[in-house]
Amino acid sequence: MCLGIPGRIVEVVEGFDDQLALVDVEGAQRRVNIGMLDELPAAGDWILIHMGFAMELIDEKQAQEAIAGLEMLGQARED
């Protein structure tokens, strides 16, 4: 099992053969390799990121569910 982090495309970065995008992940922007995707994403699209690579395009509902799951993992367990 791999841990995928959802992020939203800000822009595809020019000059990298359309394989690099600036992505917003919970307010932090980072560059992500999008070369493994079947179709080129556009600004506003959601992707699932693993190890700096976009693994798949997802919709906003899937992104919000993933974010909620990650937030649950980060919460302390009450005994």
Protein backbone atom coordinates (compact mmCIF):
# COMPACT_ATOMS: atom_id res chain seq x y z
CA MET A 1 0.00 0.00 0.00
CA CYS A 2 1.28 3.46 -0.82
CA LEU A 3 0.29 6.75 0.71
CA GLY A 4 -1.00 9.24 -1.85
CA ILE A 5 -1.30 12.92 -1.10
CA PRO A 6 -3.93 14.96 -2.98
CA GLY A 7 -2.90 18.22 -4.59
CA ARG A 8 -4.44 20.76 -6.95
CA ILE A 9 -2.65 21.83 -10.14
CA VAL A 10 -1.73 25.53 -10.13
CA GLU A 11 -0.01 25.46 -13.53
CA VAL A 12 1.94 23.22 -15.88
CA VAL A 13 5.54 24.47 -15.85
CA GLU A 14 6.82 25.45 -19.28
CA GLY A 15 10.08 24.06 -20.63
CA PHE A 16 9.93 20.57 -19.15
CA ASP A 17 8.17 18.77 -22.03
CA ASP A 18 4.83 19.18 -20.18
CA GLN A 19 6.01 16.81 -17.45
CA LEU A 20 6.26 19.19 -14.51
CA ALA A 21 3.50 21.07 -12.70
CA LEU A 22 3.28 23.47 -9.81
CA VAL A 23 0.86 21.89 -7.34
CA ASP A 24 -0.81 23.24 -4.21
CA VAL A 25 -0.87 20.76 -1.34
CA GLU A 26 -2.77 22.22 1.61
CA GLY A 27 -1.29 25.69 1.05
CA ALA A 28 2.27 24.60 0.20
CA GLN A 29 3.26 24.75 -3.46
CA ARG A 30 5.71 22.27 -4.90
CA ARG A 31 6.76 20.92 -8.26
CA VAL A 32 5.44 17.49 -9.16
CA ASN A 33 6.28 15.25 -12.12
CA ILE A 34 3.08 14.66 -14.12
CA GLY A 35 4.71 12.61 -16.89
CA MET A 36 3.12 9.32 -15.77
CA LEU A 37 -0.45 10.57 -16.26
CA ASP A 38 -2.39 9.40 -19.33
CA GLU A 39 -3.67 12.92 -19.99
CA LEU A 40 -2.21 16.33 -19.32
CA PRO A 41 -3.94 17.98 -16.34
CA ALA A 42 -5.04 21.60 -16.38
CA ALA A 43 -4.97 24.28 -13.70
CA GLY A 44 -7.58 23.42 -11.06
CA ASP A 45 -7.42 19.65 -11.60
CA TRP A 46 -6.77 17.40 -8.61
CA ILE A 47 -4.06 14.72 -8.64
CA LEU A 48 -2.88 12.03 -6.27
CA ILE A 49 0.85 12.39 -5.53
CA HIS A 50 3.30 9.73 -4.36
CA MET A 51 7.05 10.38 -3.99
CA GLY A 52 6.91 13.51 -6.15
CA PHE A 53 5.01 11.87 -9.02
CA ALA A 54 1.37 12.32 -9.98
CA MET A 55 -0.13 8.83 -9.97
CA GLU A 56 -3.67 9.65 -11.15
CA LEU A 57 -6.19 12.38 -11.77
CA ILE A 58 -8.91 12.46 -9.11
CA ASP A 59 -12.00 14.57 -8.57
CA GLU A 60 -12.52 17.07 -5.76
CA LYS A 61 -14.67 14.66 -3.72
CA GLN A 62 -11.91 12.03 -3.77
CA ALA A 63 -9.35 14.69 -2.83
CA GLN A 64 -11.42 15.85 0.16
CA GLU A 65 -11.92 12.26 1.33
CA ALA A 66 -8.17 11.64 1.13
CA ILE A 67 -7.43 14.85 3.04
CA ALA A 68 -9.93 13.85 5.76
CA GLY A 69 -8.30 10.43 6.03
CA LEU A 70 -4.83 11.94 6.35
CA GLU A 71 -6.08 14.32 9.03
CA MET A 72 -7.49 11.37 10.97
CA LEU A 73 -4.13 9.61 10.81
CA GLY A 74 -2.45 12.67 12.30
CA GLN A 75 -4.78 12.95 15.30
CA ALA A 76 -3.78 11.58 18.66
CA ARG A 77 -5.74 8.54 19.79
CA GLU A 78 -7.87 9.02 22.88
CA ASP A 79 -7.69 6.15 25.38
